Amino acid sequence: MLAAERREHLLGLLAREGKIVAKDVAADLGISEDSVRRDLRDLAADGLVQRVYGGALPVSPAVVDYAARQAVAPEGKREVASVAAGLVRPGGAVILDGGTTTLAVARALPRDLECTVITHSPTIAVALLDHPAAEVFLLGGRVFKHSAVAYGAAAVEAAQNVSADLCLLGVTGVHPEAGLTTGDAEEAAMKRALSARAAETYVLASSEKIGTASRFRVLPWEKVSGVITDADPRDPVVKEIRALGVEVLAAG
């Protein structure tokens, strides 16, 4: 089998099975695992797969920059945001992570809701300017322009001085085995710092993120209270997540 044919075979397998196990592919095709790993390296370099130990997973479409992400699954994000906004109680404090889905949450909050919103996202802070009953605390630090958020040592230190009832966290990949992932190591660290300051953390995951992975893990499953998604409840990946004991809130 030629390299181009192997590449198409691997992409087809990933589409059907949701993962590639290098040793199984090598056995099926009668080639070495090294050959499969080389093919996966090439596919990963082209942004078509996310390599993991032993093989590869679907790459998240949510790793593009902030402006491009606004055009990805807007309806699904609004549905997820609607459910997430309902978790914010009157008088409560919520940490809103950065991202396009959490921006949709900010817009979905009732204008008369008395609450405290803590965020490291300037865009979310601006979106809440016309919410007169919401107190907004903006955490500062170095700006990560890709995601339009503050991160780095100063932002993490600022996060350590707040606390909240709820953290609504955005990630780029949601996978039963890989866990909750994102594409930047420092952004992942910031997300962990935010989650650690809340009594409960819910992950916002529109359907295009389900079953995909990015390079850096944010949190293991045992560190989150649940996932809010518009993915079909019958989706095998959603069932696997639920089997881990994670609450899945259906949106849409």
C-alpha atoms as a PDB file:
ATOM      1  CA  MET A   1       0.000   0.000   0.000  1.00  0.00           C
ATOM      2  CA  LEU A   2       1.416   3.397  -1.019  1.00  0.00           C
ATOM      3  CA  ALA A   3       1.875   6.201   1.503  1.00  0.00           C
ATOM      4  CA  ALA A   4      -1.032   8.173   0.026  1.00  0.00           C
ATOM      5  CA  GLU A   5      -3.275   5.122   0.271  1.00  0.00           C
ATOM      6  CA  ARG A   6      -2.244   4.517   3.880  1.00  0.00           C
ATOM      7  CA  ARG A   7      -3.027   8.152   4.652  1.00  0.00           C
ATOM      8  CA  GLU A   8      -6.549   7.811   3.237  1.00  0.00           C
ATOM      9  CA  HIS A   9      -6.989   4.540   5.118  1.00  0.00           C
ATOM     10  CA  LEU A  10      -5.987   6.176   8.401  1.00  0.00           C
ATOM     11  CA  LEU A  11      -8.298   9.141   7.922  1.00  0.00           C
ATOM     12  CA  GLY A  12     -11.167   6.817   7.040  1.00  0.00           C
ATOM     13  CA  LEU A  13     -10.487   4.701  10.123  1.00  0.00           C
ATOM     14  CA  LEU A  14     -10.426   7.812  12.300  1.00  0.00           C
ATOM     15  CA  ALA A  15     -13.764   8.971  10.867  1.00  0.00           C
ATOM     16  CA  ARG A  16     -15.371   5.574  11.495  1.00  0.00           C
ATOM     17  CA  GLU A  17     -13.852   4.576  14.831  1.00  0.00           C
ATOM     18  CA  GLY A  18     -12.999   7.916  16.430  1.00  0.00           C
ATOM     19  CA  LYS A  19      -9.419   6.853  17.131  1.00  0.00           C
ATOM     20  CA  ILE A  20      -6.380   5.166  15.600  1.00  0.00           C
ATOM     21  CA  VAL A  21      -4.411   2.506  17.483  1.00  0.00           C
ATOM     22  CA  ALA A  22      -1.027   2.240  15.782  1.00  0.00           C
ATOM     23  CA  LYS A  23      -0.321  -1.381  16.670  1.00  0.00           C
ATOM     24  CA  ASP A  24      -3.729  -2.517  15.399  1.00  0.00           C
ATOM     25  CA  VAL A  25      -3.285  -0.678  12.092  1.00  0.00           C
ATOM     26  CA  ALA A  26       0.188  -2.157  11.689  1.00  0.00           C
ATOM     27  CA  ALA A  27      -1.165  -5.677  12.235  1.00  0.00           C
ATOM     28  CA  ASP A  28      -4.109  -5.152   9.869  1.00  0.00           C
ATOM     29  CA  LEU A  29      -1.938  -3.764   7.055  1.00  0.00           C
ATOM     30  CA  GLY A  30       1.070  -6.006   7.640  1.00  0.00           C
ATOM     31  CA  ILE A  31       3.457  -3.078   8.104  1.00  0.00           C
ATOM     32  CA  SER A  32       5.640  -1.877  10.965  1.00  0.00           C
ATOM     33  CA  GLU A  33       4.390   0.366  13.740  1.00  0.00           C
ATOM     34  CA  ASP A  34       7.176   2.768  12.791  1.00  0.00           C
ATOM     35  CA  SER A  35       5.559   3.190   9.364  1.00  0.00           C
ATOM     36  CA  VAL A  36       2.213   3.940  10.966  1.00  0.00           C
ATOM     37  CA  ARG A  37       3.794   6.430  13.361  1.00  0.00           C
ATOM     38  CA  ARG A  38       5.502   8.203  10.455  1.00  0.00           C
ATOM     39  CA  ASP A  39       2.166   8.458   8.669  1.00  0.00           C
ATOM     40  CA  LEU A  40       0.553   9.865  11.811  1.00  0.00           C
ATOM     41  CA  ARG A  41       3.345  12.417  12.188  1.00  0.00           C
ATOM     42  CA  ASP A  42       2.695  13.598   8.637  1.00  0.00           C
ATOM     43  CA  LEU A  43      -1.054  13.815   9.234  1.00  0.00           C
ATOM     44  CA  ALA A  44      -0.511  15.693  12.495  1.00  0.00           C
ATOM     45  CA  ALA A  45       1.820  18.139  10.743  1.00  0.00           C
ATOM     46  CA  ASP A  46      -1.021  18.871   8.312  1.00  0.00           C
ATOM     47  CA  GLY A  47      -3.416  19.443  11.222  1.00  0.00           C
ATOM     48  CA  LEU A  48      -5.558  16.410  10.385  1.00  0.00           C
ATOM     49  CA  VAL A  49      -5.076  14.320  13.550  1.00  0.00           C
ATOM     50  CA  GLN A  50      -4.003  14.797  17.143  1.00  0.00           C
ATOM     51  CA  ARG A  51      -1.282  12.327  18.043  1.00  0.00           C
ATOM     52  CA  VAL A  52      -1.564  10.630  21.443  1.00  0.00           C
ATOM     53  CA  TYR A  53       0.277   7.774  23.086  1.00  0.00           C
ATOM     54  CA  GLY A  54      -0.240   4.690  20.968  1.00  0.00           C
ATOM     55  CA  GLY A  55      -2.007   6.365  18.058  1.00  0.00           C
ATOM     56  CA  ALA A  56      -4.156   9.380  17.242  1.00  0.00           C
ATOM     57  CA  LEU A  57      -7.501  11.048  17.896  1.00  0.00           C
ATOM     58  CA  PRO A  58      -9.632  13.497  15.877  1.00  0.00           C
ATOM     59  CA  VAL A  59      -8.185  16.987  16.035  1.00  0.00           C
ATOM     60  CA  SER A  60     -10.429  19.690  17.459  1.00  0.00           C
ATOM     61  CA  PRO A  61     -11.774  22.283  14.988  1.00  0.00           C
ATOM     62  CA  ALA A  62     -11.809  24.800  17.856  1.00  0.00           C
ATOM     63  CA  VAL A  63      -8.060  25.483  17.862  1.00  0.00           C
ATOM     64  CA  VAL A  64      -8.332  28.254  15.252  1.00  0.00           C
ATOM     65  CA  ASP A  65      -8.040  31.851  16.427  1.00  0.00           C
ATOM     66  CA  TYR A  66     -10.779  33.750  18.264  1.00  0.00           C
ATOM     67  CA  ALA A  67     -12.223  35.503  15.223  1.00  0.00           C
ATOM     68  CA  ALA A  68     -12.492  32.265  13.238  1.00  0.00           C
ATOM     69  CA  ARG A  69     -14.050  30.391  16.181  1.00  0.00           C
ATOM     70  CA  GLN A  70     -17.006  32.770  16.203  1.00  0.00           C
ATOM     71  CA  ALA A  71     -18.172  31.171  12.952  1.00  0.00           C
ATOM     72  CA  VAL A  72     -17.871  27.589  14.263  1.00  0.00           C
ATOM     73  CA  ALA A  73     -21.199  26.021  15.363  1.00  0.00           C
ATOM     74  CA  PRO A  74     -22.823  29.283  16.549  1.00  0.00           C
ATOM     75  CA  GLU A  75     -26.247  27.696  17.112  1.00  0.00           C
ATOM     76  CA  GLY A  76     -24.799  24.855  19.171  1.00  0.00           C
ATOM     77  CA  LYS A  77     -22.890  27.349  21.286  1.00  0.00           C
ATOM     78  CA  ARG A  78     -26.043  29.369  21.912  1.00  0.00           C
ATOM     79  CA  GLU A  79     -27.890  26.233  23.036  1.00  0.00           C
ATOM     80  CA  VAL A  80     -25.069  25.265  25.392  1.00  0.00           C
ATOM     81  CA  ALA A  81     -24.881  28.844  26.674  1.00  0.00           C
ATOM     82  CA  SER A  82     -28.589  28.916  27.437  1.00  0.00           C
ATOM     83  CA  VAL A  83     -28.316  25.871  29.717  1.00  0.00           C
ATOM     84  CA  ALA A  84     -25.120  27.176  31.318  1.00  0.00           C
ATOM     85  CA  ALA A  85     -26.645  30.585  32.063  1.00  0.00           C
ATOM     86  CA  GLY A  86     -29.407  28.810  33.953  1.00  0.00           C
ATOM     87  CA  LEU A  87     -26.848  27.466  36.421  1.00  0.00           C
ATOM     88  CA  VAL A  88     -25.951  30.977  37.593  1.00  0.00           C
ATOM     89  CA  ARG A  89     -28.077  31.659  40.677  1.00  0.00           C
ATOM     90  CA  PRO A  90     -29.233  35.083  41.917  1.00  0.00           C
ATOM     91  CA  GLY A  91     -26.647  36.449  44.297  1.00  0.00           C
ATOM     92  CA  GLY A  92     -24.087  33.875  43.209  1.00  0.00           C
ATOM     93  CA  ALA A  93     -20.562  34.265  41.927  1.00  0.00           C
ATOM     94  CA  VAL A  94     -19.476  32.676  38.659  1.00  0.00           C
ATOM     95  CA  ILE A  95     -16.093  32.421  36.969  1.00  0.00           C
ATOM     96  CA  LEU A  96     -16.472  32.739  33.210  1.00  0.00           C
ATOM     97  CA  ASP A  97     -13.577  31.381  31.195  1.00  0.00           C
ATOM     98  CA  GLY A  98     -12.706  33.043  27.898  1.00  0.00           C
ATOM     99  CA  GLY A  99     -13.939  31.881  24.511  1.00  0.00           C
ATOM    100  CA  THR A 100     -16.853  32.194  22.160  1.00  0.00           C
ATOM    101  CA  THR A 101     -19.158  29.842  24.088  1.00  0.00           C
ATOM    102  CA  THR A 102     -18.625  31.652  27.383  1.00  0.00           C
ATOM    103  CA  LEU A 103     -19.217  34.937  25.570  1.00  0.00           C
ATOM    104  CA  ALA A 104     -22.566  33.473  24.524  1.00  0.00           C
ATOM    105  CA  VAL A 105     -23.201  32.654  28.213  1.00  0.00           C
ATOM    106  CA  ALA A 106     -22.575  36.274  29.185  1.00  0.00           C
ATOM    107  CA  ARG A 107     -25.058  37.412  26.560  1.00  0.00           C
ATOM    108  CA  ALA A 108     -27.593  34.836  27.765  1.00  0.00           C
ATOM    109  CA  LEU A 109     -27.569  36.023  31.389  1.00  0.00           C
ATOM    110  CA  PRO A 110     -30.748  37.924  32.282  1.00  0.00           C
ATOM    111  CA  ARG A 111     -30.026  41.668  32.406  1.00  0.00           C
ATOM    112  CA  ASP A 112     -31.666  41.939  35.827  1.00  0.00           C
ATOM    113  CA  LEU A 113     -29.751  39.009  37.365  1.00  0.00           C
ATOM    114  CA  GLU A 114     -27.852  40.072  40.481  1.00  0.00           C
ATOM    115  CA  CYS A 115     -24.596  38.159  40.429  1.00  0.00           C
ATOM    116  CA  THR A 116     -20.826  38.501  40.463  1.00  0.00           C
ATOM    117  CA  VAL A 117     -18.934  37.550  37.317  1.00  0.00           C
ATOM    118  CA  ILE A 118     -15.194  36.933  37.512  1.00  0.00           C
ATOM    119  CA  THR A 119     -13.389  36.622  34.192  1.00  0.00           C
ATOM    120  CA  HIS A 120     -10.003  37.014  32.520  1.00  0.00           C
ATOM    121  CA  SER A 121     -11.695  37.829  29.210  1.00  0.00           C
ATOM    122  CA  PRO A 122     -11.975  41.509  28.230  1.00  0.00           C
ATOM    123  CA  THR A 123     -14.639  40.638  25.656  1.00  0.00           C
ATOM    124  CA  ILE A 124     -16.836  39.067  28.317  1.00  0.00           C
ATOM    125  CA  ALA A 125     -16.358  42.045  30.630  1.00  0.00           C
ATOM    126  CA  VAL A 126     -17.434  44.392  27.827  1.00  0.00           C
ATOM    127  CA  ALA A 127     -20.442  42.194  27.010  1.00  0.00           C
ATOM    128  CA  LEU A 128     -21.655  42.624  30.596  1.00  0.00           C
ATOM    129  CA  LEU A 129     -21.496  46.424  30.617  1.00  0.00           C
ATOM    130  CA  ASP A 130     -25.214  46.583  29.854  1.00  0.00           C
ATOM    131  CA  HIS A 131     -26.080  44.192  32.710  1.00  0.00           C
ATOM    132  CA  PRO A 132     -26.621  46.729  35.514  1.00  0.00           C
ATOM    133  CA  ALA A 133     -27.152  44.126  38.235  1.00  0.00           C
ATOM    134  CA  ALA A 134     -23.991  42.137  37.462  1.00  0.00           C
ATOM    135  CA  GLU A 135     -20.795  43.008  39.309  1.00  0.00           C
ATOM    136  CA  VAL A 136     -17.813  42.294  37.073  1.00  0.00           C
ATOM    137  CA  PHE A 137     -14.252  41.529  38.200  1.00  0.00           C
ATOM    138  CA  LEU A 138     -11.701  41.457  35.386  1.00  0.00           C
ATOM    139  CA  LEU A 139      -8.508  39.506  36.086  1.00  0.00           C
ATOM    140  CA  GLY A 140      -5.468  41.011  34.401  1.00  0.00           C
ATOM    141  CA  GLY A 141      -2.227  39.686  32.959  1.00  0.00           C
ATOM    142  CA  ARG A 142      -0.472  39.139  29.659  1.00  0.00           C
ATOM    143  CA  VAL A 143      -2.995  39.018  26.804  1.00  0.00           C
ATOM    144  CA  PHE A 144      -3.134  35.844  24.753  1.00  0.00           C
ATOM    145  CA  LYS A 145      -4.449  37.317  21.521  1.00  0.00           C
ATOM    146  CA  HIS A 146      -5.319  33.932  20.004  1.00  0.00           C
ATOM    147  CA  SER A 147      -8.091  33.505  22.592  1.00  0.00           C
ATOM    148  CA  ALA A 148      -8.556  37.130  23.710  1.00  0.00           C
ATOM    149  CA  VAL A 149      -7.843  36.357  27.379  1.00  0.00           C
ATOM    150  CA  ALA A 150      -5.300  37.237  30.050  1.00  0.00           C
ATOM    151  CA  TYR A 151      -2.970  34.463  31.109  1.00  0.00           C
ATOM    152  CA  GLY A 152       0.520  33.890  32.483  1.00  0.00           C
ATOM    153  CA  ALA A 153       1.919  34.304  36.002  1.00  0.00           C
ATOM    154  CA  ALA A 154       0.150  37.577  36.825  1.00  0.00           C
ATOM    155  CA  ALA A 155      -3.249  36.250  35.742  1.00  0.00           C
ATOM    156  CA  VAL A 156      -2.801  32.972  37.636  1.00  0.00           C
ATOM    157  CA  GLU A 157      -1.815  34.922  40.779  1.00  0.00           C
ATOM    158  CA  ALA A 158      -4.904  37.120  40.405  1.00  0.00           C
ATOM    159  CA  ALA A 159      -7.096  34.043  40.061  1.00  0.00           C
ATOM    160  CA  GLN A 160      -5.759  32.629  43.324  1.00  0.00           C
ATOM    161  CA  ASN A 161      -7.300  35.559  45.209  1.00  0.00           C
ATOM    162  CA  VAL A 162     -10.911  34.990  44.167  1.00  0.00           C
ATOM    163  CA  SER A 163     -13.514  32.337  44.818  1.00  0.00           C
ATOM    164  CA  ALA A 164     -16.859  31.450  43.258  1.00  0.00           C
ATOM    165  CA  ASP A 165     -19.767  29.066  43.429  1.00  0.00           C
ATOM    166  CA  LEU A 166     -19.427  28.029  39.813  1.00  0.00           C
ATOM    167  CA  CYS A 167     -16.857  27.974  37.026  1.00  0.00           C
ATOM    168  CA  LEU A 168     -18.004  27.686  33.418  1.00  0.00           C
ATOM    169  CA  LEU A 169     -15.006  26.417  31.504  1.00  0.00           C
ATOM    170  CA  GLY A 170     -14.326  26.283  27.793  1.00  0.00           C
ATOM    171  CA  VAL A 171     -12.037  23.684  26.202  1.00  0.00           C
ATOM    172  CA  THR A 172     -11.242  22.708  22.629  1.00  0.00           C
ATOM    173  CA  GLY A 173     -11.320  18.927  23.037  1.00  0.00           C
ATOM    174  CA  VAL A 174     -13.585  16.594  25.030  1.00  0.00           C
ATOM    175  CA  HIS A 175     -12.640  12.926  24.906  1.00  0.00           C
ATOM    176  CA  PRO A 176     -13.266  10.011  27.314  1.00  0.00           C
ATOM    177  CA  GLU A 177      -9.619   8.923  27.233  1.00  0.00           C
ATOM    178  CA  ALA A 178      -7.718  12.154  26.551  1.00  0.00           C
ATOM    179  CA  GLY A 179      -9.883  14.139  28.964  1.00  0.00           C
ATOM    180  CA  LEU A 180     -10.420  17.886  28.594  1.00  0.00           C
ATOM    181  CA  THR A 181      -7.811  19.553  26.420  1.00  0.00           C
ATOM    182  CA  THR A 182      -6.776  22.799  24.775  1.00  0.00           C
ATOM    183  CA  GLY A 183      -4.117  23.904  22.339  1.00  0.00           C
ATOM    184  CA  ASP A 184      -1.823  26.053  24.515  1.00  0.00           C
ATOM    185  CA  ALA A 185       0.034  25.002  27.669  1.00  0.00           C
ATOM    186  CA  GLU A 186      -0.207  28.353  29.472  1.00  0.00           C
ATOM    187  CA  GLU A 187      -3.879  28.704  28.641  1.00  0.00           C
ATOM    188  CA  ALA A 188      -4.442  25.219  30.050  1.00  0.00           C
ATOM    189  CA  ALA A 189      -2.687  26.284  33.271  1.00  0.00           C
ATOM    190  CA  MET A 190      -4.906  29.369  33.510  1.00  0.00           C
ATOM    191  CA  LYS A 191      -8.025  27.257  33.084  1.00  0.00           C
ATOM    192  CA  ARG A 192      -6.864  24.974  35.914  1.00  0.00           C
ATOM    193  CA  ALA A 193      -6.255  28.001  38.127  1.00  0.00           C
ATOM    194  CA  LEU A 194      -9.777  29.285  37.470  1.00  0.00           C
ATOM    195  CA  SER A 195     -11.446  25.929  38.037  1.00  0.00           C
ATOM    196  CA  ALA A 196      -9.594  25.461  41.327  1.00  0.00           C
ATOM    197  CA  ARG A 197     -11.278  28.594  42.734  1.00  0.00           C
ATOM    198  CA  ALA A 198     -14.868  27.383  42.230  1.00  0.00           C
ATOM    199  CA  ALA A 199     -17.020  24.952  44.173  1.00  0.00           C
ATOM    200  CA  GLU A 200     -18.252  23.407  40.918  1.00  0.00           C
ATOM    201  CA  THR A 201     -16.913  23.367  37.352  1.00  0.00           C
ATOM    202  CA  TYR A 202     -19.031  22.679  34.287  1.00  0.00           C
ATOM    203  CA  VAL A 203     -17.424  22.283  30.888  1.00  0.00           C
ATOM    204  CA  LEU A 204     -19.071  23.958  27.889  1.00  0.00           C
ATOM    205  CA  ALA A 205     -18.782  21.640  24.894  1.00  0.00           C
ATOM    206  CA  SER A 206     -20.687  22.239  21.683  1.00  0.00           C
ATOM    207  CA  SER A 207     -20.962  19.073  19.627  1.00  0.00           C
ATOM    208  CA  GLU A 208     -17.984  19.689  17.320  1.00  0.00           C
ATOM    209  CA  LYS A 209     -15.652  19.328  20.338  1.00  0.00           C
ATOM    210  CA  ILE A 210     -17.036  15.977  21.491  1.00  0.00           C
ATOM    211  CA  GLY A 211     -14.686  13.090  20.700  1.00  0.00           C
ATOM    212  CA  THR A 212     -11.768  15.362  19.741  1.00  0.00           C
ATOM    213  CA  ALA A 213      -8.484  16.234  21.423  1.00  0.00           C
ATOM    214  CA  SER A 214      -5.882  18.987  21.541  1.00  0.00           C
ATOM    215  CA  ARG A 215      -2.291  18.864  22.729  1.00  0.00           C
ATOM    216  CA  PHE A 216      -2.514  19.987  26.374  1.00  0.00           C
ATOM    217  CA  ARG A 217      -4.739  18.541  29.073  1.00  0.00           C
ATOM    218  CA  VAL A 218      -6.698  21.019  31.153  1.00  0.00           C
ATOM    219  CA  LEU A 219      -8.330  18.760  33.729  1.00  0.00           C
ATOM    220  CA  PRO A 220      -9.015  15.081  34.364  1.00  0.00           C
ATOM    221  CA  TRP A 221     -12.633  14.016  34.486  1.00  0.00           C
ATOM    222  CA  GLU A 222     -12.728  13.700  38.273  1.00  0.00           C
ATOM    223  CA  LYS A 223     -12.093  17.440  38.621  1.00  0.00           C
ATOM    224  CA  VAL A 224     -15.306  18.552  36.890  1.00  0.00           C
ATOM    225  CA  SER A 225     -18.934  18.424  37.965  1.00  0.00           C
ATOM    226  CA  GLY A 226     -20.354  17.957  34.492  1.00  0.00           C
ATOM    227  CA  VAL A 227     -20.428  18.716  30.791  1.00  0.00           C
ATOM    228  CA  ILE A 228     -23.012  20.786  28.953  1.00  0.00           C
ATOM    229  CA  THR A 229     -23.357  19.786  25.308  1.00  0.00           C
ATOM    230  CA  ASP A 230     -25.745  19.869  22.385  1.00  0.00           C
ATOM    231  CA  ALA A 231     -24.356  16.557  21.103  1.00  0.00           C
ATOM    232  CA  ASP A 232     -26.852  13.734  20.599  1.00  0.00           C
ATOM    233  CA  PRO A 233     -27.297  11.879  23.924  1.00  0.00           C
ATOM    234  CA  ARG A 234     -27.049   8.649  21.911  1.00  0.00           C
ATOM    235  CA  ASP A 235     -23.586   9.579  20.621  1.00  0.00           C
ATOM    236  CA  PRO A 236     -21.196   6.773  21.693  1.00  0.00           C
ATOM    237  CA  VAL A 237     -18.699   9.315  23.038  1.00  0.00           C
ATOM    238  CA  VAL A 238     -21.375  10.989  25.169  1.00  0.00           C
ATOM    239  CA  LYS A 239     -22.327   7.569  26.525  1.00  0.00           C
ATOM    240  CA  GLU A 240     -18.683   6.869  27.387  1.00  0.00           C
ATOM    241  CA  ILE A 241     -18.406  10.172  29.228  1.00  0.00           C
ATOM    242  CA  ARG A 242     -21.564   9.425  31.183  1.00  0.00           C
ATOM    243  CA  ALA A 243     -20.210   5.952  32.013  1.00  0.00           C
ATOM    244  CA  LEU A 244     -17.251   7.644  33.702  1.00  0.00           C
ATOM    245  CA  GLY A 245     -19.713   9.065  36.234  1.00  0.00           C
ATOM    246  CA  VAL A 246     -19.724  12.545  34.724  1.00  0.00           C
ATOM    247  CA  GLU A 247     -23.022  14.414  34.630  1.00  0.00           C
ATOM    248  CA  VAL A 248     -23.985  15.368  31.062  1.00  0.00           C
ATOM    249  CA  LEU A 249     -26.507  18.203  30.705  1.00  0.00           C
ATOM    250  CA  ALA A 250     -28.264  18.134  27.336  1.00  0.00           C
ATOM    251  CA  ALA A 251     -28.630  21.401  25.462  1.00  0.00           C
ATOM    252  CA  GLY A 252     -31.003  21.971  22.571  1.00  0.00           C
END
